């Protein structure tokens, strides 16, 4: 497979895009864990979620 005179540009571009996608996936995974931990802390302190309310609790 020959990419011609632009091979280095093409390979570099795809490598950078792949690196950015991997970094975004890692960032999202870390943020997900942090948000879950924060929710656990809030629920442990007595704060409840609105989605956890019953229909009779809403006024």
N, C-alpha and C. Protein backbone atom coordinates (compact mmCIF):
# COMPACT_ATOMS: atom_id res chain seq x y z
N UNK A 1 0.85 -1.17 0.00
CA UNK A 1 0.00 0.00 0.00
C UNK A 1 0.89 1.23 0.00
N UNK A 2 0.75 2.04 -1.00
CA UNK A 2 1.57 3.24 -1.13
C UNK A 2 0.69 4.46 -0.92
N UNK A 3 1.10 5.32 0.00
CA UNK A 3 0.33 6.53 0.29
C UNK A 3 0.88 7.74 -0.44
N UNK A 4 1.91 7.55 -1.20
CA UNK A 4 2.47 8.62 -2.00
C UNK A 4 3.31 9.57 -1.18
N UNK A 5 3.50 10.77 -1.71
CA UNK A 5 4.38 11.74 -1.05
C UNK A 5 3.82 12.29 0.26
N UNK A 6 2.56 12.05 0.52
CA UNK A 6 1.92 12.58 1.73
C UNK A 6 1.80 11.55 2.84
N UNK A 7 2.50 10.46 2.72
CA UNK A 7 2.40 9.36 3.68
C UNK A 7 2.69 9.82 5.11
N UNK A 8 3.73 10.60 5.31
CA UNK A 8 4.06 11.03 6.67
C UNK A 8 2.96 11.91 7.26
N UNK A 9 2.35 12.77 6.45
CA UNK A 9 1.25 13.61 6.92
C UNK A 9 0.05 12.77 7.30
N UNK A 10 -0.28 11.79 6.47
CA UNK A 10 -1.44 10.94 6.72
C UNK A 10 -1.24 10.12 7.98
N UNK A 11 -0.08 9.50 8.11
CA UNK A 11 0.19 8.66 9.28
C UNK A 11 0.20 9.51 10.55
N UNK A 12 0.83 10.69 10.50
CA UNK A 12 0.87 11.58 11.65
C UNK A 12 -0.54 12.03 12.04
N UNK A 13 -1.36 12.36 11.07
CA UNK A 13 -2.72 12.81 11.34
C UNK A 13 -3.54 11.71 12.01
N UNK A 14 -3.48 10.51 11.48
CA UNK A 14 -4.23 9.40 12.07
C UNK A 14 -3.72 9.07 13.47
N UNK A 15 -2.41 9.17 13.67
CA UNK A 15 -1.84 8.90 14.99
C UNK A 15 -2.31 9.93 16.00
N UNK A 16 -2.31 11.19 15.62
CA UNK A 16 -2.77 12.24 16.53
C UNK A 16 -4.26 12.09 16.85
N UNK A 17 -5.05 11.77 15.86
CA UNK A 17 -6.49 11.58 16.09
C UNK A 17 -6.72 10.40 17.02
N UNK A 18 -5.99 9.32 16.82
CA UNK A 18 -6.13 8.15 17.69
C UNK A 18 -5.73 8.50 19.12
N UNK A 19 -4.66 9.28 19.28
CA UNK A 19 -4.21 9.69 20.61
C UNK A 19 -5.27 10.55 21.30
N UNK A 20 -5.86 11.48 20.56
CA UNK A 20 -6.89 12.35 21.13
C UNK A 20 -8.11 11.53 21.56
N UNK A 21 -8.52 10.57 20.75
CA UNK A 21 -9.67 9.73 21.08
C UNK A 21 -9.38 8.91 22.34
N UNK A 22 -8.19 8.35 22.43
CA UNK A 22 -7.82 7.57 23.61
C UNK A 22 -7.81 8.46 24.85
N UNK A 23 -7.26 9.66 24.74
CA UNK A 23 -7.25 10.59 25.87
C UNK A 23 -8.66 10.98 26.30
N UNK A 24 -9.55 11.19 25.34
CA UNK A 24 -10.94 11.52 25.68
C UNK A 24 -11.62 10.36 26.40
N UNK A 25 -11.37 9.14 25.95
CA UNK A 25 -11.96 7.98 26.61
C UNK A 25 -11.45 7.87 28.04
N UNK A 26 -10.15 8.07 28.24
CA UNK A 26 -9.58 8.02 29.59
C UNK A 26 -10.18 9.12 30.46
N UNK A 27 -10.29 10.33 29.92
CA UNK A 27 -10.85 11.46 30.66
C UNK A 27 -12.29 11.17 31.09
N UNK A 28 -13.08 10.63 30.18
CA UNK A 28 -14.47 10.32 30.49
C UNK A 28 -14.55 9.24 31.56
N UNK A 29 -13.70 8.22 31.48
CA UNK A 29 -13.71 7.15 32.47
C UNK A 29 -13.35 7.68 33.86
N UNK A 30 -12.34 8.54 33.92
CA UNK A 30 -11.94 9.13 35.21
C UNK A 30 -13.05 10.02 35.75
N UNK A 31 -13.65 10.85 34.90
CA UNK A 31 -14.71 11.74 35.34
C UNK A 31 -15.93 10.94 35.81
N UNK A 32 -16.24 9.84 35.14
CA UNK A 32 -17.35 8.98 35.54
C UNK A 32 -17.13 8.46 36.96
N UNK A 33 -15.93 7.98 37.22
CA UNK A 33 -15.63 7.47 38.56
C UNK A 33 -15.71 8.57 39.60
N UNK A 34 -15.22 9.76 39.28
CA UNK A 34 -15.29 10.87 40.22
C UNK A 34 -16.73 11.28 40.50
N UNK A 35 -17.56 11.30 39.47
CA UNK A 35 -18.97 11.67 39.65
C UNK A 35 -19.71 10.62 40.48
N UNK A 36 -19.43 9.36 40.24
CA UNK A 36 -20.07 8.30 41.03
C UNK A 36 -19.67 8.41 42.50
N UNK A 37 -18.40 8.70 42.75
CA UNK A 37 -17.92 8.87 44.13
C UNK A 37 -18.59 10.08 44.78
N UNK A 38 -18.72 11.16 44.03
CA UNK A 38 -19.38 12.37 44.56
C UNK A 38 -20.85 12.08 44.89
N UNK A 39 -21.52 11.33 44.03
CA UNK A 39 -22.91 10.96 44.31
C UNK A 39 -23.02 10.11 45.57
N UNK A 40 -22.08 9.17 45.73
CA UNK A 40 -22.09 8.35 46.95
C UNK A 40 -21.90 9.21 48.19
N UNK A 41 -21.00 10.19 48.11
CA UNK A 41 -20.77 11.09 49.25
C UNK A 41 -22.01 11.91 49.56
N UNK A 42 -22.67 12.43 48.53
CA UNK A 42 -23.87 13.23 48.75
C UNK A 42 -25.00 12.38 49.34
N UNK A 43 -25.18 11.17 48.82
CA UNK A 43 -26.23 10.31 49.35
C UNK A 43 -25.92 9.89 50.79
N UNK A 44 -24.66 9.70 51.11
CA UNK A 44 -24.27 9.34 52.48
C UNK A 44 -24.53 10.50 53.44
N UNK A 45 -24.46 11.73 52.93
CA UNK A 45 -24.69 12.88 53.79
C UNK A 45 -26.18 13.22 53.90
N UNK A 46 -27.04 12.48 53.21
CA UNK A 46 -28.48 12.69 53.35
C UNK A 46 -29.14 13.38 52.18
N UNK A 47 -28.39 13.81 51.20
CA UNK A 47 -28.98 14.44 50.02
C UNK A 47 -29.56 13.33 49.16
N UNK A 48 -30.80 13.54 48.69
CA UNK A 48 -31.45 12.54 47.84
C UNK A 48 -31.61 13.07 46.44
N UNK A 49 -31.78 12.16 45.51
CA UNK A 49 -31.97 12.53 44.11
C UNK A 49 -33.45 12.81 43.85
N UNK A 50 -33.73 13.76 42.97
CA UNK A 50 -35.12 14.02 42.60
C UNK A 50 -35.71 12.83 41.87
N UNK A 51 -34.89 12.13 41.10
CA UNK A 51 -35.40 10.99 40.35
C UNK A 51 -35.76 9.83 41.28
N UNK A 52 -35.29 9.86 42.52
CA UNK A 52 -35.60 8.81 43.46
C UNK A 52 -36.87 9.05 44.24
N UNK A 53 -37.52 10.19 44.03
CA UNK A 53 -38.76 10.51 44.75
C UNK A 53 -39.93 9.72 44.21
N UNK A 54 -40.89 9.51 45.06
CA UNK A 54 -42.14 8.89 44.66
C UNK A 54 -43.06 9.97 44.11
N UNK A 55 -44.07 9.58 43.37
CA UNK A 55 -45.01 10.54 42.78
C UNK A 55 -45.79 11.25 43.91
N UNK A 56 -45.97 10.61 45.04
CA UNK A 56 -46.71 11.21 46.15
C UNK A 56 -45.86 12.26 46.90
N UNK A 57 -44.53 12.23 46.71
CA UNK A 57 -43.66 13.19 47.38
C UNK A 57 -43.63 14.54 46.70
N UNK A 58 -44.04 14.59 45.44
CA UNK A 58 -43.96 15.82 44.65
C UNK A 58 -45.20 16.66 44.89
N UNK A 59 -45.01 17.94 45.13
CA UNK A 59 -46.16 18.82 45.37
C UNK A 59 -46.32 19.79 44.26
